[in-house]
Amino acid sequence: MRQMFLHMNQIDWDELWKRAILDASWMRWRRDPVEFWNRRSEWYNKAVKGRVERTQGIIAKLDLDPECMVLDIGSGPGTFTIPIAKIVKHATAIDISKGMLTCLRENAEKEGVRNIACINKKWEDVELGNDIEEHDIVIASYSLFAMLDIKEALLKMDRVARKTVYLLTSAGEQTSNYNKLWPKLYGEEYVPGPDYIYIVNVLYQIGICANVEILEYEYKQHFSSLDEAVEYWMNNFDEVPPGAEEIIREYIAELLIEEEDAFWSKQKTKTALIWWHKEKESEGQEDAVKNI
């Protein structure tokens, strides 16, 4: 039994993460992630506006207060940054995409939120003490896939956080449209990349015993027409083969549900909320993840 434990402890989860990222279908077909997200920023901004209930449910689980400073790594158009900024003293948004940060600034302006600072850099290139100072709370929502050296990225998050780090990423095998559409376009099985269990094990090996909660959601996306849905999915791929638009149109036409003169894409997803505290909370305080 002891021999098995030692053997398991020798697994290099950081290296396994790198291999899984490099083997992921989207990684092999995506030439420039910055250009990809710049091109997709307006579409993505529109899509995430339909996730308000999900976003608010997750935010309710975070230990936020009016004096907090929050760092959002891979902020996108402000999905979490803006509603969190309404609660806390200050928020800092980091994203590799100028297009995403432009959407964030526009969204914040519309909602009258003015306590957000934006940094247009990769997390790996951000210098602690130069680009940013310590923040009470650090959040990274579905942005870990952009980080090849995950161990160093997580250690950096731990260093910059005064209180708690929260991570959101996929949990288990996802039943997504990519799984079914990818083989039709490229003639090969879709490989999604690593999920939350890699992160939990990397954290364990650097001395962090993280908490995990698996959250289940039904993700609904609205389209005004079939043409809009096809255009959205065409923008989801970096390189498409000849005839891709027809393949996507045929697939999407069967997928969409028509309700009240609009089209909806629906699918169930599982998200892992991973978190750890930098300091021990006193007795009687609420846990950093609250029950809704």
C-alpha atoms as a PDB file:
ATOM      1  CA  MET A   1       0.000   0.000   0.000  1.00  0.00           C
ATOM      2  CA  ARG A   2       2.837   2.369   0.916  1.00  0.00           C
ATOM      3  CA  GLN A   3       4.601   1.574  -2.353  1.00  0.00           C
ATOM      4  CA  MET A   4       1.449   2.511  -4.295  1.00  0.00           C
ATOM      5  CA  PHE A   5       1.211   5.837  -2.439  1.00  0.00           C
ATOM      6  CA  LEU A   6       4.827   6.697  -3.232  1.00  0.00           C
ATOM      7  CA  HIS A   7       4.301   5.757  -6.868  1.00  0.00           C
ATOM      8  CA  MET A   8       1.217   7.998  -7.162  1.00  0.00           C
ATOM      9  CA  ASN A   9       3.077  10.832  -5.489  1.00  0.00           C
ATOM     10  CA  GLN A  10       5.734  10.685  -8.187  1.00  0.00           C
ATOM     11  CA  ILE A  11       3.296  11.538 -10.982  1.00  0.00           C
ATOM     12  CA  ASP A  12       4.262  14.880 -12.527  1.00  0.00           C
ATOM     13  CA  TRP A  13       0.843  16.531 -12.854  1.00  0.00           C
ATOM     14  CA  ASP A  14       2.376  19.750 -14.127  1.00  0.00           C
ATOM     15  CA  GLU A  15       3.912  17.876 -17.057  1.00  0.00           C
ATOM     16  CA  LEU A  16       0.682  15.934 -17.667  1.00  0.00           C
ATOM     17  CA  TRP A  17      -1.182  19.258 -17.858  1.00  0.00           C
ATOM     18  CA  LYS A  18       1.261  20.539 -20.495  1.00  0.00           C
ATOM     19  CA  ARG A  19       0.858  17.397 -22.588  1.00  0.00           C
ATOM     20  CA  ALA A  20      -2.940  17.512 -22.321  1.00  0.00           C
ATOM     21  CA  ILE A  21      -2.993  21.179 -23.382  1.00  0.00           C
ATOM     22  CA  LEU A  22      -0.694  20.576 -26.351  1.00  0.00           C
ATOM     23  CA  ASP A  23      -2.764  17.532 -27.406  1.00  0.00           C
ATOM     24  CA  ALA A  24      -6.085  19.408 -27.193  1.00  0.00           C
ATOM     25  CA  SER A  25      -7.798  19.846 -30.556  1.00  0.00           C
ATOM     26  CA  TRP A  26      -8.312  23.593 -30.149  1.00  0.00           C
ATOM     27  CA  MET A  27      -4.621  24.095 -29.325  1.00  0.00           C
ATOM     28  CA  ARG A  28      -3.412  22.308 -32.446  1.00  0.00           C
ATOM     29  CA  TRP A  29      -5.757  24.280 -34.699  1.00  0.00           C
ATOM     30  CA  ARG A  30      -5.400  27.702 -33.073  1.00  0.00           C
ATOM     31  CA  ARG A  31      -2.545  29.711 -34.529  1.00  0.00           C
ATOM     32  CA  ASP A  32      -2.639  32.873 -32.412  1.00  0.00           C
ATOM     33  CA  PRO A  33      -4.771  32.960 -29.221  1.00  0.00           C
ATOM     34  CA  VAL A  34      -4.582  36.759 -28.975  1.00  0.00           C
ATOM     35  CA  GLU A  35      -5.881  37.220 -32.520  1.00  0.00           C
ATOM     36  CA  PHE A  36      -8.501  34.508 -31.946  1.00  0.00           C
ATOM     37  CA  TRP A  37      -9.966  36.205 -28.862  1.00  0.00           C
ATOM     38  CA  ASN A  38      -9.743  39.673 -30.402  1.00  0.00           C
ATOM     39  CA  ARG A  39     -11.765  38.414 -33.351  1.00  0.00           C
ATOM     40  CA  ARG A  40     -14.289  36.680 -31.089  1.00  0.00           C
ATOM     41  CA  SER A  41     -14.582  39.393 -28.443  1.00  0.00           C
ATOM     42  CA  GLU A  42     -17.843  40.989 -29.597  1.00  0.00           C
ATOM     43  CA  TRP A  43     -19.511  37.618 -30.207  1.00  0.00           C
ATOM     44  CA  TYR A  44     -18.337  36.305 -26.853  1.00  0.00           C
ATOM     45  CA  ASN A  45     -19.475  39.480 -25.108  1.00  0.00           C
ATOM     46  CA  LYS A  46     -22.951  38.972 -26.496  1.00  0.00           C
ATOM     47  CA  ALA A  47     -23.022  35.268 -25.599  1.00  0.00           C
ATOM     48  CA  VAL A  48     -22.053  35.663 -21.928  1.00  0.00           C
ATOM     49  CA  LYS A  49     -24.781  38.221 -21.315  1.00  0.00           C
ATOM     50  CA  GLY A  50     -27.163  35.275 -21.239  1.00  0.00           C
ATOM     51  CA  ARG A  51     -25.317  33.748 -18.256  1.00  0.00           C
ATOM     52  CA  VAL A  52     -26.298  36.346 -15.649  1.00  0.00           C
ATOM     53  CA  GLU A  53     -28.089  33.886 -13.349  1.00  0.00           C
ATOM     54  CA  ARG A  54     -25.151  31.462 -13.408  1.00  0.00           C
ATOM     55  CA  THR A  55     -22.647  34.261 -12.794  1.00  0.00           C
ATOM     56  CA  GLN A  56     -24.595  35.708  -9.875  1.00  0.00           C
ATOM     57  CA  GLY A  57     -24.954  32.251  -8.341  1.00  0.00           C
ATOM     58  CA  ILE A  58     -21.173  31.769  -8.374  1.00  0.00           C
ATOM     59  CA  ILE A  59     -20.481  35.280  -7.057  1.00  0.00           C
ATOM     60  CA  ALA A  60     -22.816  34.568  -4.126  1.00  0.00           C
ATOM     61  CA  LYS A  61     -20.422  31.774  -3.136  1.00  0.00           C
ATOM     62  CA  LEU A  62     -17.392  34.077  -2.924  1.00  0.00           C
ATOM     63  CA  ASP A  63     -16.221  35.751   0.265  1.00  0.00           C
ATOM     64  CA  LEU A  64     -16.493  39.379  -0.868  1.00  0.00           C
ATOM     65  CA  ASP A  65     -16.871  42.529   1.188  1.00  0.00           C
ATOM     66  CA  PRO A  66     -16.908  46.301   0.455  1.00  0.00           C
ATOM     67  CA  GLU A  67     -13.222  46.690   1.403  1.00  0.00           C
ATOM     68  CA  CYS A  68     -11.948  43.897  -0.870  1.00  0.00           C
ATOM     69  CA  MET A  69      -9.527  44.301  -3.737  1.00  0.00           C
ATOM     70  CA  VAL A  70     -10.208  41.606  -6.349  1.00  0.00           C
ATOM     71  CA  LEU A  71      -7.995  40.406  -9.215  1.00  0.00           C
ATOM     72  CA  ASP A  72      -9.739  38.729 -12.173  1.00  0.00           C
ATOM     73  CA  ILE A  73      -7.286  36.794 -14.367  1.00  0.00           C
ATOM     74  CA  GLY A  74      -8.597  36.217 -17.881  1.00  0.00           C
ATOM     75  CA  SER A  75     -11.470  38.619 -17.325  1.00  0.00           C
ATOM     76  CA  GLY A  76     -12.911  38.550 -20.842  1.00  0.00           C
ATOM     77  CA  PRO A  77     -15.573  41.258 -21.294  1.00  0.00           C
ATOM     78  CA  GLY A  78     -16.089  41.570 -17.530  1.00  0.00           C
ATOM     79  CA  THR A  79     -18.457  38.660 -16.917  1.00  0.00           C
ATOM     80  CA  PHE A  80     -17.317  38.452 -13.292  1.00  0.00           C
ATOM     81  CA  THR A  81     -15.278  41.648 -12.979  1.00  0.00           C
ATOM     82  CA  ILE A  82     -18.168  44.100 -13.372  1.00  0.00           C
ATOM     83  CA  PRO A  83     -20.723  42.552 -10.974  1.00  0.00           C
ATOM     84  CA  ILE A  84     -17.925  41.946  -8.457  1.00  0.00           C
ATOM     85  CA  ALA A  85     -16.722  45.564  -8.794  1.00  0.00           C
ATOM     86  CA  LYS A  86     -20.187  46.694  -7.704  1.00  0.00           C
ATOM     87  CA  ILE A  87     -19.633  44.891  -4.384  1.00  0.00           C
ATOM     88  CA  VAL A  88     -15.961  45.568  -3.614  1.00  0.00           C
ATOM     89  CA  LYS A  89     -13.617  48.522  -3.254  1.00  0.00           C
ATOM     90  CA  HIS A  90     -11.543  47.857  -6.386  1.00  0.00           C
ATOM     91  CA  ALA A  91     -11.171  45.251  -9.141  1.00  0.00           C
ATOM     92  CA  THR A  92      -8.288  44.610 -11.526  1.00  0.00           C
ATOM     93  CA  ALA A  93      -8.938  42.801 -14.818  1.00  0.00           C
ATOM     94  CA  ILE A  94      -6.156  41.026 -16.704  1.00  0.00           C
ATOM     95  CA  ASP A  95      -6.665  39.705 -20.235  1.00  0.00           C
ATOM     96  CA  ILE A  96      -4.488  38.968 -23.260  1.00  0.00           C
ATOM     97  CA  SER A  97      -7.117  40.361 -25.645  1.00  0.00           C
ATOM     98  CA  LYS A  98      -7.472  44.095 -26.269  1.00  0.00           C
ATOM     99  CA  GLY A  99     -10.855  43.368 -27.832  1.00  0.00           C
ATOM    100  CA  MET A 100     -12.099  41.749 -24.624  1.00  0.00           C
ATOM    101  CA  LEU A 101     -10.883  44.650 -22.494  1.00  0.00           C
ATOM    102  CA  THR A 102     -12.546  47.128 -24.876  1.00  0.00           C
ATOM    103  CA  CYS A 103     -15.835  45.269 -24.338  1.00  0.00           C
ATOM    104  CA  LEU A 104     -15.212  45.293 -20.581  1.00  0.00           C
ATOM    105  CA  ARG A 105     -14.672  49.056 -20.500  1.00  0.00           C
ATOM    106  CA  GLU A 106     -17.785  49.664 -22.594  1.00  0.00           C
ATOM    107  CA  ASN A 107     -19.874  47.337 -20.408  1.00  0.00           C
ATOM    108  CA  ALA A 108     -18.570  48.971 -17.226  1.00  0.00           C
ATOM    109  CA  GLU A 109     -19.325  52.448 -18.584  1.00  0.00           C
ATOM    110  CA  LYS A 110     -22.897  51.439 -19.421  1.00  0.00           C
ATOM    111  CA  GLU A 111     -23.394  50.166 -15.876  1.00  0.00           C
ATOM    112  CA  GLY A 112     -21.696  53.144 -14.231  1.00  0.00           C
ATOM    113  CA  VAL A 113     -18.845  51.073 -12.777  1.00  0.00           C
ATOM    114  CA  ARG A 114     -15.606  53.047 -12.444  1.00  0.00           C
ATOM    115  CA  ASN A 115     -13.457  51.132  -9.963  1.00  0.00           C
ATOM    116  CA  ILE A 116     -11.851  48.713 -12.448  1.00  0.00           C
ATOM    117  CA  ALA A 117      -8.254  48.816 -13.691  1.00  0.00           C
ATOM    118  CA  CYS A 118      -7.360  46.851 -16.850  1.00  0.00           C
ATOM    119  CA  ILE A 119      -4.062  45.183 -17.736  1.00  0.00           C
ATOM    120  CA  ASN A 120      -3.575  43.857 -21.280  1.00  0.00           C
ATOM    121  CA  LYS A 121      -1.048  41.060 -20.638  1.00  0.00           C
ATOM    122  CA  LYS A 122      -0.671  37.317 -20.311  1.00  0.00           C
ATOM    123  CA  TRP A 123      -0.744  36.263 -16.671  1.00  0.00           C
ATOM    124  CA  GLU A 124       2.710  34.739 -17.130  1.00  0.00           C
ATOM    125  CA  ASP A 125       4.093  38.156 -18.180  1.00  0.00           C
ATOM    126  CA  VAL A 126       2.535  40.155 -15.343  1.00  0.00           C
ATOM    127  CA  GLU A 127       5.178  41.321 -12.853  1.00  0.00           C
ATOM    128  CA  LEU A 128       4.172  41.254  -9.195  1.00  0.00           C
ATOM    129  CA  GLY A 129       5.145  44.476  -7.474  1.00  0.00           C
ATOM    130  CA  ASN A 130       5.460  46.240 -10.811  1.00  0.00           C
ATOM    131  CA  ASP A 131       2.279  45.652 -12.832  1.00  0.00           C
ATOM    132  CA  ILE A 132       0.153  44.708  -9.807  1.00  0.00           C
ATOM    133  CA  GLU A 133       0.266  44.645  -6.030  1.00  0.00           C
ATOM    134  CA  GLU A 134      -1.354  42.114  -3.704  1.00  0.00           C
ATOM    135  CA  HIS A 135      -5.132  41.690  -3.883  1.00  0.00           C
ATOM    136  CA  ASP A 136      -7.399  40.178  -1.247  1.00  0.00           C
ATOM    137  CA  ILE A 137      -9.164  37.832  -3.668  1.00  0.00           C
ATOM    138  CA  VAL A 138      -7.875  36.281  -6.892  1.00  0.00           C
ATOM    139  CA  ILE A 139     -10.251  34.761  -9.461  1.00  0.00           C
ATOM    140  CA  ALA A 140      -9.479  32.864 -12.659  1.00  0.00           C
ATOM    141  CA  SER A 141     -12.580  31.689 -14.529  1.00  0.00           C
ATOM    142  CA  TYR A 142     -12.006  29.361 -17.495  1.00  0.00           C
ATOM    143  CA  SER A 143      -8.695  31.079 -18.235  1.00  0.00           C
ATOM    144  CA  LEU A 144      -6.305  28.367 -17.022  1.00  0.00           C
ATOM    145  CA  PHE A 145      -6.217  26.704 -20.442  1.00  0.00           C
ATOM    146  CA  ALA A 146      -4.114  29.619 -21.701  1.00  0.00           C
ATOM    147  CA  MET A 147      -1.380  28.793 -19.156  1.00  0.00           C
ATOM    148  CA  LEU A 148       1.057  26.103 -20.249  1.00  0.00           C
ATOM    149  CA  ASP A 149       3.243  26.290 -17.135  1.00  0.00           C
ATOM    150  CA  ILE A 150       0.332  25.747 -14.763  1.00  0.00           C
ATOM    151  CA  LYS A 151       2.403  25.160 -11.631  1.00  0.00           C
ATOM    152  CA  GLU A 152       4.162  28.515 -11.891  1.00  0.00           C
ATOM    153  CA  ALA A 153       0.884  30.244 -12.812  1.00  0.00           C
ATOM    154  CA  LEU A 154      -0.830  28.853  -9.694  1.00  0.00           C
ATOM    155  CA  LEU A 155       2.114  29.699  -7.439  1.00  0.00           C
ATOM    156  CA  LYS A 156       1.961  33.260  -8.751  1.00  0.00           C
ATOM    157  CA  MET A 157      -1.764  33.464  -7.952  1.00  0.00           C
ATOM    158  CA  ASP A 158      -1.043  32.201  -4.465  1.00  0.00           C
ATOM    159  CA  ARG A 159       1.673  34.820  -3.977  1.00  0.00           C
ATOM    160  CA  VAL A 160      -0.497  37.753  -5.061  1.00  0.00           C
ATOM    161  CA  ALA A 161      -3.557  36.728  -2.995  1.00  0.00           C
ATOM    162  CA  ARG A 162      -3.875  37.970   0.579  1.00  0.00           C
ATOM    163  CA  LYS A 163      -6.953  35.898   1.458  1.00  0.00           C
ATOM    164  CA  THR A 164      -8.438  33.462  -1.072  1.00  0.00           C
ATOM    165  CA  VAL A 165      -7.924  32.144  -4.589  1.00  0.00           C
ATOM    166  CA  TYR A 166     -10.940  30.921  -6.603  1.00  0.00           C
ATOM    167  CA  LEU A 167     -10.614  28.947  -9.845  1.00  0.00           C
ATOM    168  CA  LEU A 168     -13.373  27.888 -12.238  1.00  0.00           C
ATOM    169  CA  THR A 169     -12.774  25.246 -14.892  1.00  0.00           C
ATOM    170  CA  SER A 170     -14.452  22.286 -16.576  1.00  0.00           C
ATOM    171  CA  ALA A 171     -15.312  19.134 -14.648  1.00  0.00           C
ATOM    172  CA  GLY A 172     -15.415  15.742 -16.295  1.00  0.00           C
ATOM    173  CA  GLU A 173     -16.338  14.903 -19.853  1.00  0.00           C
ATOM    174  CA  GLN A 174     -18.485  17.652 -21.328  1.00  0.00           C
ATOM    175  CA  THR A 175     -21.307  16.968 -23.769  1.00  0.00           C
ATOM    176  CA  SER A 176     -20.584  19.921 -26.025  1.00  0.00           C
ATOM    177  CA  ASN A 177     -21.294  20.870 -29.602  1.00  0.00           C
ATOM    178  CA  TYR A 178     -17.563  20.668 -30.293  1.00  0.00           C
ATOM    179  CA  ASN A 179     -17.616  16.916 -29.593  1.00  0.00           C
ATOM    180  CA  LYS A 180     -20.142  16.354 -32.369  1.00  0.00           C
ATOM    181  CA  LEU A 181     -19.229  19.132 -34.803  1.00  0.00           C
ATOM    182  CA  TRP A 182     -15.443  18.724 -34.769  1.00  0.00           C
ATOM    183  CA  PRO A 183     -15.379  15.254 -36.446  1.00  0.00           C
ATOM    184  CA  LYS A 184     -17.709  16.536 -39.184  1.00  0.00           C
ATOM    185  CA  LEU A 185     -15.310  19.399 -39.950  1.00  0.00           C
ATOM    186  CA  TYR A 186     -11.889  17.842 -39.437  1.00  0.00           C
ATOM    187  CA  GLY A 187     -12.475  14.094 -39.665  1.00  0.00           C
ATOM    188  CA  GLU A 188     -11.022  13.404 -36.228  1.00  0.00           C
ATOM    189  CA  GLU A 189     -12.257  12.993 -32.658  1.00  0.00           C
ATOM    190  CA  TYR A 190     -12.427  16.167 -30.596  1.00  0.00           C
ATOM    191  CA  VAL A 191      -9.901  16.209 -27.716  1.00  0.00           C
ATOM    192  CA  PRO A 192     -11.013  18.753 -25.090  1.00  0.00           C
ATOM    193  CA  GLY A 193      -7.884  19.084 -22.982  1.00  0.00           C
ATOM    194  CA  PRO A 194      -7.385  18.722 -19.204  1.00  0.00           C
ATOM    195  CA  ASP A 195     -10.111  19.273 -16.614  1.00  0.00           C
ATOM    196  CA  TYR A 196     -10.150  20.244 -12.944  1.00  0.00           C
ATOM    197  CA  ILE A 197      -8.516  17.088 -11.552  1.00  0.00           C
ATOM    198  CA  TYR A 198      -5.143  18.118 -13.013  1.00  0.00           C
ATOM    199  CA  ILE A 199      -5.379  21.450 -11.194  1.00  0.00           C
ATOM    200  CA  VAL A 200      -6.294  19.832  -7.869  1.00  0.00           C
ATOM    201  CA  ASN A 201      -3.314  17.480  -8.122  1.00  0.00           C
ATOM    202  CA  VAL A 202      -0.855  20.200  -9.166  1.00  0.00           C
ATOM    203  CA  LEU A 203      -1.996  22.241  -6.159  1.00  0.00           C
ATOM    204  CA  TYR A 204      -1.593  19.218  -3.881  1.00  0.00           C
ATOM    205  CA  GLN A 205       1.957  18.688  -5.095  1.00  0.00           C
ATOM    206  CA  ILE A 206       2.906  22.296  -4.313  1.00  0.00           C
ATOM    207  CA  GLY A 207       1.480  21.991  -0.826  1.00  0.00           C
ATOM    208  CA  ILE A 208      -2.033  23.385  -1.305  1.00  0.00           C
ATOM    209  CA  CYS A 209      -4.966  21.181  -0.299  1.00  0.00           C
ATOM    210  CA  ALA A 210      -7.738  22.890  -2.236  1.00  0.00           C
ATOM    211  CA  ASN A 211     -11.488  22.670  -1.750  1.00  0.00           C
ATOM    212  CA  VAL A 212     -13.670  21.601  -4.688  1.00  0.00           C
ATOM    213  CA  GLU A 213     -17.357  21.959  -5.464  1.00  0.00           C
ATOM    214  CA  ILE A 214     -18.903  20.653  -8.697  1.00  0.00           C
ATOM    215  CA  LEU A 215     -21.623  22.915 -10.093  1.00  0.00           C
ATOM    216  CA  GLU A 216     -24.109  21.822 -12.769  1.00  0.00           C
ATOM    217  CA  TYR A 217     -25.818  24.223 -15.141  1.00  0.00           C
ATOM    218  CA  GLU A 218     -27.966  24.313 -18.243  1.00  0.00           C
ATOM    219  CA  TYR A 219     -26.291  26.714 -20.624  1.00  0.00           C
ATOM    220  CA  LYS A 220     -28.735  28.542 -22.919  1.00  0.00           C
ATOM    221  CA  GLN A 221     -27.657  30.748 -25.791  1.00  0.00           C
ATOM    222  CA  HIS A 222     -30.001  32.976 -27.772  1.00  0.00           C
ATOM    223  CA  PHE A 223     -29.829  33.677 -31.511  1.00  0.00           C
ATOM    224  CA  SER A 224     -32.173  35.871 -33.505  1.00  0.00           C
ATOM    225  CA  SER A 225     -31.834  33.658 -36.580  1.00  0.00           C
ATOM    226  CA  LEU A 226     -30.185  30.549 -37.979  1.00  0.00           C
ATOM    227  CA  ASP A 227     -27.786  32.773 -39.958  1.00  0.00           C
ATOM    228  CA  GLU A 228     -26.624  34.451 -36.744  1.00  0.00           C
ATOM    229  CA  ALA A 229     -26.005  31.076 -35.111  1.00  0.00           C
ATOM    230  CA  VAL A 230     -23.992  29.870 -38.124  1.00  0.00           C
ATOM    231  CA  GLU A 231     -21.877  33.048 -38.112  1.00  0.00           C
ATOM    232  CA  TYR A 232     -21.233  32.643 -34.393  1.00  0.00           C
ATOM    233  CA  TRP A 233     -20.005  29.070 -34.858  1.00  0.00           C
ATOM    234  CA  MET A 234     -17.899  29.955 -37.889  1.00  0.00           C
ATOM    235  CA  ASN A 235     -16.078  32.404 -35.601  1.00  0.00           C
ATOM    236  CA  ASN A 236     -15.488  29.649 -33.035  1.00  0.00           C
ATOM    237  CA  PHE A 237     -12.943  27.988 -35.303  1.00  0.00           C
ATOM    238  CA  ASP A 238      -9.579  29.399 -36.307  1.00  0.00           C
ATOM    239  CA  GLU A 239      -9.178  27.464 -39.542  1.00  0.00           C
ATOM    240  CA  VAL A 240     -12.076  25.768 -41.305  1.00  0.00           C
ATOM    241  CA  PRO A 241     -11.985  23.392 -44.291  1.00  0.00           C
ATOM    242  CA  PRO A 242     -13.863  24.020 -47.560  1.00  0.00           C
ATOM    243  CA  GLY A 243     -17.600  23.536 -47.139  1.00  0.00           C
ATOM    244  CA  ALA A 244     -17.470  24.255 -43.404  1.00  0.00           C
ATOM    245  CA  GLU A 245     -20.343  26.739 -43.494  1.00  0.00           C
ATOM    246  CA  GLU A 246     -22.698  24.166 -45.009  1.00  0.00           C
ATOM    247  CA  ILE A 247     -21.626  21.518 -42.463  1.00  0.00           C
ATOM    248  CA  ILE A 248     -22.156  23.933 -39.566  1.00  0.00           C
ATOM    249  CA  ARG A 249     -25.504  25.130 -40.928  1.00  0.00           C
ATOM    250  CA  GLU A 250     -26.826  21.575 -41.238  1.00  0.00           C
ATOM    251  CA  TYR A 251     -25.682  20.674 -37.730  1.00  0.00           C
ATOM    252  CA  ILE A 252     -26.942  23.890 -36.093  1.00  0.00           C
ATOM    253  CA  ALA A 253     -30.311  23.671 -37.857  1.00  0.00           C
ATOM    254  CA  GLU A 254     -30.956  20.335 -36.102  1.00  0.00           C
ATOM    255  CA  LEU A 255     -29.566  21.577 -32.794  1.00  0.00           C
ATOM    256  CA  LEU A 256     -31.452  24.847 -32.310  1.00  0.00           C
ATOM    257  CA  ILE A 257     -34.774  24.984 -30.508  1.00  0.00           C
ATOM    258  CA  GLU A 258     -37.235  27.586 -31.782  1.00  0.00           C
ATOM    259  CA  GLU A 259     -39.188  29.364 -29.048  1.00  0.00           C
ATOM    260  CA  GLU A 260     -41.049  32.694 -29.124  1.00  0.00           C
ATOM    261  CA  ASP A 261     -39.694  33.793 -32.511  1.00  0.00           C
ATOM    262  CA  ALA A 262     -36.101  33.144 -31.437  1.00  0.00           C
ATOM    263  CA  PHE A 263     -33.605  30.287 -31.591  1.00  0.00           C
ATOM    264  CA  TRP A 264     -31.950  28.705 -28.559  1.00  0.00           C
ATOM    265  CA  SER A 265     -28.973  26.428 -28.113  1.00  0.00           C
ATOM    266  CA  LYS A 266     -29.162  24.431 -24.858  1.00  0.00           C
ATOM    267  CA  GLN A 267     -26.684  22.117 -23.214  1.00  0.00           C
ATOM    268  CA  LYS A 268     -25.788  20.943 -19.714  1.00  0.00           C
ATOM    269  CA  THR A 269     -22.360  21.650 -18.307  1.00  0.00           C
ATOM    270  CA  LYS A 270     -20.355  20.848 -15.179  1.00  0.00           C
ATOM    271  CA  THR A 271     -18.019  23.405 -13.647  1.00  0.00           C
ATOM    272  CA  ALA A 272     -15.493  22.855 -10.859  1.00  0.00           C
ATOM    273  CA  LEU A 273     -15.138  25.657  -8.320  1.00  0.00           C
ATOM    274  CA  ILE A 274     -11.718  25.224  -6.698  1.00  0.00           C
ATOM    275  CA  TRP A 275     -10.606  27.436  -3.829  1.00  0.00           C
ATOM    276  CA  TRP A 276      -8.104  27.754  -1.011  1.00  0.00           C
ATOM    277  CA  HIS A 277      -7.510  30.243   1.805  1.00  0.00           C
ATOM    278  CA  LYS A 278      -4.282  32.096   2.452  1.00  0.00           C
ATOM    279  CA  GLU A 279      -5.151  32.672   6.095  1.00  0.00           C
ATOM    280  CA  LYS A 280      -7.104  30.691   8.642  1.00  0.00           C
ATOM    281  CA  GLU A 281     -10.485  32.164   9.381  1.00  0.00           C
ATOM    282  CA  SER A 282     -11.482  32.713  12.991  1.00  0.00           C
ATOM    283  CA  GLU A 283     -14.208  30.598  14.583  1.00  0.00           C
ATOM    284  CA  GLY A 284     -17.719  31.643  13.779  1.00  0.00           C
ATOM    285  CA  GLN A 285     -16.820  33.364  10.492  1.00  0.00           C
ATOM    286  CA  GLU A 286     -18.637  32.313   7.365  1.00  0.00           C
ATOM    287  CA  ASP A 287     -16.873  29.920   5.092  1.00  0.00           C
ATOM    288  CA  ALA A 288     -15.490  31.485   1.900  1.00  0.00           C
ATOM    289  CA  VAL A 289     -17.938  29.456  -0.120  1.00  0.00           C
ATOM    290  CA  LYS A 290     -21.470  30.061   1.076  1.00  0.00           C
ATOM    291  CA  ASN A 291     -24.537  28.001   0.402  1.00  0.00           C
ATOM    292  CA  ILE A 292     -27.077  29.770  -1.749  1.00  0.00           C
END
